[in-house]
C-alpha atoms as a PDB file:
ATOM      1  CA  MET A   1     -14.483 -21.466  10.200  1.00  0.00           C
ATOM      2  CA  ALA A   2     -18.229 -21.173   9.668  1.00  0.00           C
ATOM      3  CA  ASN A   3     -19.743 -20.519   6.236  1.00  0.00           C
ATOM      4  CA  PRO A   4     -22.268 -18.085   6.061  1.00  0.00           C
ATOM      5  CA  SER A   5     -25.130 -18.588   3.643  1.00  0.00           C
ATOM      6  CA  GLU A   6     -25.333 -16.624   0.479  1.00  0.00           C
ATOM      7  CA  ASN A   7     -28.124 -14.933   1.637  1.00  0.00           C
ATOM      8  CA  LEU A   8     -25.421 -13.568   5.009  1.00  0.00           C
ATOM      9  CA  ILE A   9     -23.340 -12.541   2.996  1.00  0.00           C
ATOM     10  CA  ASN A  10     -25.884 -10.430   0.007  1.00  0.00           C
ATOM     11  CA  LEU A  11     -28.091  -8.523   2.947  1.00  0.00           C
ATOM     12  CA  CYS A  12     -23.833  -8.188   4.849  1.00  0.00           C
ATOM     13  CA  ARG A  13     -22.643  -6.970   1.454  1.00  0.00           C
ATOM     14  CA  ALA A  14     -26.099  -4.565   1.458  1.00  0.00           C
ATOM     15  CA  ALA A  15     -24.602  -2.935   4.782  1.00  0.00           C
ATOM     16  CA  VAL A  16     -21.271  -1.975   4.086  1.00  0.00           C
ATOM     17  CA  GLU A  17     -23.229  -0.526   1.138  1.00  0.00           C
ATOM     18  CA  ALA A  18     -25.163   1.121   3.062  1.00  0.00           C
ATOM     19  CA  HIS A  19     -22.945   2.710   5.465  1.00  0.00           C
ATOM     20  CA  ARG A  20     -20.676   3.324   2.032  1.00  0.00           C
ATOM     21  CA  GLU A  21     -23.424   5.690   1.397  1.00  0.00           C
ATOM     22  CA  ALA A  22     -23.929   7.246   4.978  1.00  0.00           C
ATOM     23  CA  THR A  23     -20.836   8.392   5.470  1.00  0.00           C
ATOM     24  CA  ALA A  24     -20.318  10.089   1.424  1.00  0.00           C
ATOM     25  CA  VAL A  25     -21.916  13.133   2.794  1.00  0.00           C
ATOM     26  CA  PRO A  26     -22.514  14.804   5.792  1.00  0.00           C
ATOM     27  CA  TYR A  27     -24.595  13.433   8.548  1.00  0.00           C
ATOM     28  CA  THR A  28     -28.095  13.063   9.391  1.00  0.00           C
ATOM     29  CA  PRO A  29     -30.273  10.400  11.015  1.00  0.00           C
ATOM     30  CA  GLU A  30     -32.418  10.392   7.645  1.00  0.00           C
ATOM     31  CA  GLY A  31     -28.889   9.380   5.767  1.00  0.00           C
ATOM     32  CA  TRP A  32     -27.540   7.235   7.770  1.00  0.00           C
ATOM     33  CA  ALA A  33     -31.379   5.734   8.596  1.00  0.00           C
ATOM     34  CA  PRO A  34     -30.645   3.049   6.150  1.00  0.00           C
ATOM     35  CA  TRP A  35     -27.000   2.004   7.448  1.00  0.00           C
ATOM     36  CA  LEU A  36     -29.170   0.972  11.035  1.00  0.00           C
ATOM     37  CA  GLU A  37     -31.386  -0.892   9.269  1.00  0.00           C
ATOM     38  CA  ALA A  38     -29.417  -2.743   6.685  1.00  0.00           C
ATOM     39  CA  SER A  39     -26.724  -3.493  10.119  1.00  0.00           C
ATOM     40  CA  ALA A  40     -30.296  -4.883  12.018  1.00  0.00           C
ATOM     41  CA  VAL A  41     -31.193  -6.770   9.239  1.00  0.00           C
ATOM     42  CA  PHE A  42     -27.784  -8.154   8.522  1.00  0.00           C
ATOM     43  CA  GLN A  43     -27.350  -8.905  12.363  1.00  0.00           C
ATOM     44  CA  ALA A  44     -30.976 -10.549  13.191  1.00  0.00           C
ATOM     45  CA  ALA A  45     -29.692 -12.560  10.725  1.00  0.00           C
ATOM     46  CA  VAL A  46     -26.350 -13.733  11.737  1.00  0.00           C
ATOM     47  CA  THR A  47     -28.403 -14.512  15.034  1.00  0.00           C
ATOM     48  CA  GLU A  48     -30.004 -16.667  13.478  1.00  0.00           C
ATOM     49  CA  GLU A  49     -28.750 -18.594  11.371  1.00  0.00           C
ATOM     50  CA  ALA A  50     -26.038 -19.369  13.302  1.00  0.00           C
ATOM     51  CA  GLU A  51     -28.634 -20.920  15.504  1.00  0.00           C
ATOM     52  CA  ASP A  52     -26.585 -22.923  18.523  1.00  0.00           C
ATOM     53  CA  GLY A  53     -23.576 -22.208  16.996  1.00  0.00           C
ATOM     54  CA  ASN A  54     -20.905 -19.300  17.293  1.00  0.00           C
ATOM     55  CA  ARG A  55     -22.370 -16.518  16.721  1.00  0.00           C
ATOM     56  CA  TYR A  56     -19.130 -13.854  16.223  1.00  0.00           C
ATOM     57  CA  GLU A  57     -17.558 -17.230  13.892  1.00  0.00           C
ATOM     58  CA  LEU A  58     -20.434 -16.798  11.426  1.00  0.00           C
ATOM     59  CA  GLU A  59     -20.330 -12.810  11.603  1.00  0.00           C
ATOM     60  CA  LYS A  60     -16.690 -12.665  10.779  1.00  0.00           C
ATOM     61  CA  ALA A  61     -16.381 -15.110   7.928  1.00  0.00           C
ATOM     62  CA  ALA A  62     -19.779 -13.371   5.628  1.00  0.00           C
ATOM     63  CA  LYS A  63     -17.631  -9.847   6.768  1.00  0.00           C
ATOM     64  CA  LYS A  64     -14.260 -11.033   5.432  1.00  0.00           C
ATOM     65  CA  ALA A  65     -15.937 -12.493   2.070  1.00  0.00           C
ATOM     66  CA  VAL A  66     -17.724  -9.706   1.627  1.00  0.00           C
ATOM     67  CA  LEU A  67     -15.155  -7.164   2.222  1.00  0.00           C
ATOM     68  CA  HIS A  68     -12.151 -10.103   1.337  1.00  0.00           C
ATOM     69  CA  PRO A  69     -12.587 -12.269  -0.866  1.00  0.00           C
ATOM     70  CA  GLU A  70     -10.865 -14.998  -1.791  1.00  0.00           C
ATOM     71  CA  PRO A  71      -9.711 -14.092  -5.975  1.00  0.00           C
ATOM     72  CA  ASP A  72     -11.030 -16.329  -8.810  1.00  0.00           C
ATOM     73  CA  GLY A  73      -9.710 -19.661  -8.786  1.00  0.00           C
ATOM     74  CA  GLU A  74      -8.419 -20.574  -5.800  1.00  0.00           C
END
């Protein structure tokens, strides 16, 4: 499995949090703009970090680290 950088994990975390905030209230273009921007920044960072590697595996690993973290001590 790919090993995402701490920066990539932080960008993913920011995109996930922006998604939560955007979907917690009724839709407005202004309300979704931070989520769309955070997602675009995350996707660009995945592309840059993957370089010639497997972009899909890197993105999956970053999302797993954010959405399904391993318990401490394991």
